[in-house]
Amino acid sequence: MSSRRITIIQGHPDIEESHLGHALASAYADGAAQAGHQLRYVIVAQLECPVLQCKEDWEHGPAPEAIVAAQQAIAWADHLLIVFPLWLGTMPASFQAFLEQLLRPGFAFDPQARGRPNLLAGRSAHLVVTMGRPVPVRWRLFGADGVRGLVRNVLRYFGVSPVRTSYLDTGGKAGPRGVRRCLERMRRAGAKAA
């Protein structure tokens, strides 16, 4: 397999690296680096990322410097690893704010173009979503509409395809052995740039 350019987007809102999401992204990066893939990082919790207040700001306001740097890292990549926890059935608010700043006209789509916008075409993505209860229970009770919306209404809409999604239990039920299995799974995915 040839070397790929991978941008890892860590969407956990806590800067502390004690969460499983951070360990999963790190395991993926280890596997990818050992396989010879090139890596860049976007750590949302470290970014100065104000919430957009109006359509005018989104369409015509200047993007913050940190967002421009994140756009460059994504434009460089041919594969994205996106890691975030499931909060209230969807992504954390800080990650949503990041996406709103990031996916501006001219970067994610051409506002003058007709038809489906696809300025992010040519990239694949792997979403890794952590949740604080066992995955089968979460699915049975709540589904994952927020994640499906991100895949369908954001990533695929702007041309990212294929998009793979992994849901991982961080609720403590898996135990140390389950965590080790998850980390190894991520190392293998990183090696394959999957």
Protein backbone atom coordinates (compact mmCIF):
# COMPACT_ATOMS: atom_id res chain seq x y z
CA MET A 1 0.00 0.00 0.00
CA SER A 2 1.31 3.45 -0.88
CA SER A 3 1.75 6.18 1.69
CA ARG A 4 -1.33 8.28 2.41
CA ARG A 5 -1.73 11.74 3.88
CA ILE A 6 -3.88 11.50 7.00
CA THR A 7 -5.24 14.34 9.10
CA ILE A 8 -6.40 13.31 12.56
CA ILE A 9 -9.15 15.53 13.94
CA GLN A 10 -9.50 15.12 17.70
CA GLY A 11 -12.95 16.45 18.58
CA HIS A 12 -13.01 15.80 22.32
CA PRO A 13 -13.66 19.13 24.07
CA ASP A 14 -11.39 18.31 27.03
CA ILE A 15 -7.76 19.20 26.45
CA GLU A 16 -6.68 16.61 29.03
CA GLU A 17 -5.46 13.49 27.26
CA SER A 18 -6.86 11.10 29.86
CA HIS A 19 -9.89 10.16 27.77
CA LEU A 20 -10.12 7.02 25.68
CA GLY A 21 -10.72 9.11 22.56
CA HIS A 22 -7.23 10.56 22.88
CA ALA A 23 -5.72 7.09 23.34
CA LEU A 24 -7.62 5.79 20.31
CA ALA A 25 -6.34 8.62 18.11
CA SER A 26 -2.82 8.04 19.41
CA ALA A 27 -3.00 4.30 18.67
CA TYR A 28 -4.24 5.07 15.16
CA ALA A 29 -1.38 7.54 14.66
CA ASP A 30 1.17 4.97 15.88
CA GLY A 31 -0.08 2.38 13.41
CA ALA A 32 -0.17 4.92 10.57
CA ALA A 33 3.34 6.24 11.29
CA GLN A 34 4.79 2.73 11.48
CA ALA A 35 3.23 1.95 8.10
CA GLY A 36 4.84 5.05 6.58
CA HIS A 37 1.77 7.27 6.27
CA GLN A 38 2.15 11.04 6.70
CA LEU A 39 0.23 12.68 9.55
CA ARG A 40 -1.12 16.05 10.55
CA TYR A 41 -3.30 16.89 13.55
CA VAL A 42 -6.20 19.18 14.36
CA ILE A 43 -6.99 19.24 18.08
CA VAL A 44 -10.26 21.12 18.41
CA ALA A 45 -9.92 21.78 22.17
CA GLN A 46 -6.72 23.74 21.50
CA LEU A 47 -8.27 26.03 18.88
CA GLU A 48 -9.58 29.53 19.29
CA CYS A 49 -12.97 28.84 17.74
CA PRO A 50 -15.81 31.28 18.45
CA VAL A 51 -19.40 30.29 17.78
CA LEU A 52 -20.81 31.77 14.60
CA GLN A 53 -23.68 34.11 15.38
CA CYS A 54 -25.15 34.86 11.96
CA LYS A 55 -25.21 33.86 8.31
CA GLU A 56 -23.33 37.04 7.32
CA ASP A 57 -20.33 36.03 9.46
CA TRP A 58 -20.34 32.52 7.99
CA GLU A 59 -20.57 33.71 4.39
CA HIS A 60 -18.38 36.82 4.49
CA GLY A 61 -16.58 37.08 7.85
CA PRO A 62 -12.91 36.15 8.05
CA ALA A 63 -12.17 32.68 9.38
CA PRO A 64 -10.04 32.65 12.55
CA GLU A 65 -6.36 31.79 11.98
CA ALA A 66 -6.74 28.45 13.75
CA ILE A 67 -9.58 27.51 11.39
CA VAL A 68 -7.53 28.47 8.34
CA ALA A 69 -4.74 26.18 9.60
CA ALA A 70 -7.29 23.36 10.11
CA GLN A 71 -8.64 23.91 6.58
CA GLN A 72 -5.09 23.62 5.22
CA ALA A 73 -4.53 20.36 7.12
CA ILE A 74 -7.76 18.93 5.71
CA ALA A 75 -7.06 20.17 2.17
CA TRP A 76 -3.64 18.45 2.36
CA ALA A 77 -5.10 15.11 3.44
CA ASP A 78 -6.57 12.32 1.39
CA HIS A 79 -7.95 10.57 4.50
CA LEU A 80 -9.45 11.94 7.72
CA LEU A 81 -9.69 10.26 11.10
CA ILE A 82 -12.32 12.09 13.16
CA VAL A 83 -12.64 11.16 16.86
CA PHE A 84 -15.27 12.56 19.21
CA PRO A 85 -17.50 11.45 22.10
CA LEU A 86 -21.24 11.09 21.71
CA TRP A 87 -22.88 13.69 23.95
CA LEU A 88 -26.67 13.98 24.17
CA GLY A 89 -26.97 11.84 21.05
CA THR A 90 -24.65 13.91 18.88
CA MET A 91 -21.27 15.64 18.85
CA PRO A 92 -20.15 18.05 21.60
CA ALA A 93 -21.09 21.70 21.03
CA SER A 94 -17.45 22.77 20.65
CA PHE A 95 -16.98 20.27 17.82
CA GLN A 96 -20.18 21.53 16.14
CA ALA A 97 -18.88 25.11 16.42
CA PHE A 98 -15.58 23.99 14.87
CA LEU A 99 -17.39 22.38 11.91
CA GLU A 100 -19.49 25.50 11.35
CA GLN A 101 -16.37 27.67 11.23
CA LEU A 102 -14.49 25.12 9.11
CA LEU A 103 -17.05 24.39 6.41
CA ARG A 104 -17.34 27.87 4.99
CA PRO A 105 -18.13 28.87 1.42
CA GLY A 106 -15.01 28.58 -0.70
CA PHE A 107 -13.56 25.76 1.39
CA ALA A 108 -16.22 23.07 1.55
CA PHE A 109 -18.27 24.27 -1.38
CA ASP A 110 -18.39 26.82 -4.17
CA PRO A 111 -21.42 29.06 -3.54
CA GLN A 112 -21.62 29.85 -7.27
CA ALA A 113 -21.64 26.21 -8.40
CA ARG A 114 -24.84 24.45 -9.33
CA GLY A 115 -25.70 21.01 -8.06
CA ARG A 116 -24.11 19.16 -5.20
CA PRO A 117 -21.11 20.84 -3.56
CA ASN A 118 -18.07 18.62 -3.45
CA LEU A 119 -14.89 20.61 -2.84
CA LEU A 120 -13.81 17.95 -0.34
CA ALA A 121 -14.11 15.13 -2.89
CA GLY A 122 -11.16 12.78 -3.13
CA ARG A 123 -10.99 12.28 0.64
CA SER A 124 -12.19 9.36 2.69
CA ALA A 125 -12.98 9.46 6.40
CA HIS A 126 -13.21 7.22 9.44
CA LEU A 127 -15.36 8.48 12.32
CA VAL A 128 -14.57 7.01 15.72
CA VAL A 129 -17.37 7.79 18.13
CA THR A 130 -16.97 6.94 21.81
CA MET A 131 -19.99 6.53 24.06
CA GLY A 132 -20.43 6.06 27.78
CA ARG A 133 -22.64 3.00 27.65
CA PRO A 134 -22.46 -0.31 25.83
CA VAL A 135 -22.93 0.15 22.10
CA PRO A 136 -25.87 -2.32 21.70
CA VAL A 137 -27.77 -0.60 24.55
CA ARG A 138 -27.11 2.83 23.06
CA TRP A 139 -28.34 1.70 19.63
CA ARG A 140 -31.45 0.00 21.01
CA LEU A 141 -32.47 3.00 23.15
CA PHE A 142 -31.36 5.99 21.12
CA GLY A 143 -29.85 5.19 17.73
CA ALA A 144 -27.21 7.63 16.54
CA ASP A 145 -29.07 10.26 14.55
CA GLY A 146 -26.49 12.97 15.27
CA VAL A 147 -23.69 10.83 13.84
CA ARG A 148 -25.75 9.79 10.81
CA GLY A 149 -26.49 13.46 10.18
CA LEU A 150 -22.78 14.30 10.26
CA VAL A 151 -22.02 11.54 7.77
CA ARG A 152 -24.92 12.23 5.39
CA ASN A 153 -25.47 15.99 5.70
CA VAL A 154 -21.89 17.14 6.12
CA LEU A 155 -19.16 14.74 5.03
CA ARG A 156 -20.84 13.02 2.10
CA TYR A 157 -22.66 16.20 1.09
CA PHE A 158 -19.33 17.99 0.65
CA GLY A 159 -17.82 15.04 -1.26
CA VAL A 160 -16.03 12.97 1.41
CA SER A 161 -16.49 9.30 0.52
CA PRO A 162 -16.31 6.58 1.62
CA VAL A 163 -17.07 7.33 5.27
CA ARG A 164 -16.59 4.53 7.77
CA THR A 165 -17.95 4.78 11.33
CA SER A 166 -16.82 2.90 14.45
CA TYR A 167 -18.71 3.15 17.76
CA LEU A 168 -16.72 2.27 20.87
CA ASP A 169 -17.91 1.80 24.46
CA THR A 170 -16.06 3.88 27.05
CA GLY A 171 -18.50 3.19 29.87
CA GLY A 172 -16.15 0.92 31.77
CA LYS A 173 -18.03 -2.26 30.90
CA ALA A 174 -15.39 -3.33 28.41
CA GLY A 175 -12.68 -3.39 31.09
CA PRO A 176 -8.92 -3.26 30.45
CA ARG A 177 -9.05 -6.17 28.02
CA GLY A 178 -11.75 -4.49 25.94
CA VAL A 179 -9.79 -1.24 25.91
CA ARG A 180 -6.68 -3.08 24.71
CA ARG A 181 -8.74 -4.65 21.90
CA CYS A 182 -10.03 -1.21 20.87
CA LEU A 183 -6.52 0.27 20.86
CA GLU A 184 -5.19 -2.62 18.78
CA ARG A 185 -8.09 -2.25 16.37
CA MET A 186 -7.18 1.41 15.94
CA ARG A 187 -3.48 0.60 15.38
CA ARG A 188 -4.47 -1.80 12.60
CA ALA A 189 -6.81 0.79 11.08
CA GLY A 190 -4.01 3.37 11.16
CA ALA A 191 -1.60 1.00 9.42
CA LYS A 192 -4.16 0.51 6.65
CA ALA A 193 -5.12 4.21 6.61
CA ALA A 194 -8.70 3.01 7.02
